[in-house]
Protein backbone atom coordinates (compact mmCIF):
# COMPACT_ATOMS: atom_id res chain seq x y z
CA UNK A 1 90.35 103.21 52.61
CA UNK A 2 87.74 100.54 52.92
CA UNK A 3 84.85 100.60 55.36
CA UNK A 4 86.43 97.73 57.31
CA UNK A 5 89.65 99.72 57.85
CA UNK A 6 87.71 102.79 58.97
CA UNK A 7 85.71 100.73 61.46
CA UNK A 8 88.89 99.07 62.77
CA UNK A 9 90.58 102.45 63.15
CA UNK A 10 87.53 103.86 64.88
CA UNK A 11 87.35 100.83 67.20
CA UNK A 12 91.01 101.35 68.06
CA UNK A 13 90.75 105.10 68.69
CA UNK A 14 87.56 105.18 70.78
CA UNK A 15 89.00 103.40 73.87
CA UNK A 16 92.13 105.57 73.74
CA UNK A 17 90.08 108.78 73.53
CA UNK A 18 87.80 107.64 76.37
CA UNK A 19 90.79 106.71 78.53
CA UNK A 20 92.51 110.05 77.97
CA UNK A 21 89.27 111.93 78.59
CA UNK A 22 88.66 110.02 81.83
CA UNK A 23 92.18 110.75 83.02
CA UNK A 24 91.75 114.44 82.21
CA UNK A 25 88.49 114.58 84.16
CA UNK A 26 90.14 112.93 87.19
CA UNK A 27 93.08 115.32 87.04
CA UNK A 28 90.78 118.34 86.82
CA UNK A 29 88.77 117.08 89.79
CA UNK A 30 91.91 116.71 91.89
CA UNK A 31 93.13 120.15 90.83
CA UNK A 32 89.82 121.65 91.92
CA UNK A 33 90.16 119.99 95.33
CA UNK A 34 93.73 121.26 95.69
CA UNK A 35 92.64 124.75 94.70
CA UNK A 36 89.84 124.72 97.27
CA UNK A 37 92.26 123.55 99.97
CA UNK A 38 94.73 126.29 99.09
CA UNK A 39 91.99 128.90 99.28
CA UNK A 40 91.21 127.77 102.83
CA UNK A 41 94.81 127.94 104.01
CA UNK A 42 96.07 130.94 105.91
CA UNK A 43 99.38 132.65 105.41
CA UNK A 44 102.31 132.42 107.83
CA UNK A 45 101.80 135.97 109.02
CA UNK A 46 98.13 135.28 109.77
CA UNK A 47 99.11 132.13 111.63
CA UNK A 48 101.74 134.00 113.68
CA UNK A 49 99.20 136.68 114.56
CA UNK A 50 96.66 134.08 115.65
CA UNK A 51 99.27 132.36 117.82
CA UNK A 52 100.23 135.63 119.50
CA UNK A 53 96.63 136.53 120.20
CA UNK A 54 95.33 133.08 121.21
CA UNK A 55 94.03 133.05 124.81
CA UNK A 56 94.27 129.25 125.01
CA UNK A 57 97.99 129.39 124.27
CA UNK A 58 98.43 132.11 126.87
CA UNK A 59 96.75 129.84 129.41
CA UNK A 60 99.10 127.01 128.42
CA UNK A 61 102.13 129.23 128.91
CA UNK A 62 100.91 130.25 132.34
CA UNK A 63 100.17 126.65 133.38
CA UNK A 64 103.65 125.37 132.60
CA UNK A 65 104.10 124.65 128.96
CA UNK A 66 107.68 123.61 129.72
CA UNK A 67 106.41 120.30 131.11
CA UNK A 68 105.59 119.28 127.52
CA UNK A 69 109.22 119.77 126.56
CA UNK A 70 110.38 117.74 129.55
CA UNK A 71 108.02 114.89 128.60
CA UNK A 72 109.40 114.74 125.07
CA UNK A 73 112.98 114.77 126.41
CA UNK A 74 112.07 111.94 128.77
CA UNK A 75 110.61 109.98 125.85
CA UNK A 76 113.84 110.51 123.93
CA UNK A 77 115.78 108.95 126.79
CA UNK A 78 113.48 105.93 127.14
CA UNK A 79 114.92 102.47 126.30
CA UNK A 80 113.35 101.88 122.89
CA UNK A 81 114.61 105.09 121.19
CA UNK A 82 117.96 104.57 122.89
CA UNK A 83 118.10 101.02 121.47
CA UNK A 84 117.23 102.28 117.99
CA UNK A 85 119.93 104.94 118.20
CA UNK A 86 122.58 102.48 119.32
CA UNK A 87 121.64 99.93 116.63
CA UNK A 88 121.75 102.52 113.86
CA UNK A 89 125.16 103.88 114.87
CA UNK A 90 128.17 102.12 113.33
């Protein structure tokens, strides 16, 4: 193999290696972020316990949390969602 062929091969391989290395570094960075986010998440049982013991939610229940449900039902019956439903039905 001549020196010219070696240089051409080297010139061809260097950008490919740098590109693959850069992609690997970006993937590792994203995996680290995902791992950190997963470490900060709580389990379903912890979430259920927090909801049961939350004083703010107790206050909401006492003040009429059912009004929130009524508001969403009223929004469902408003003209624009009704128009979308009727236009999407055959």
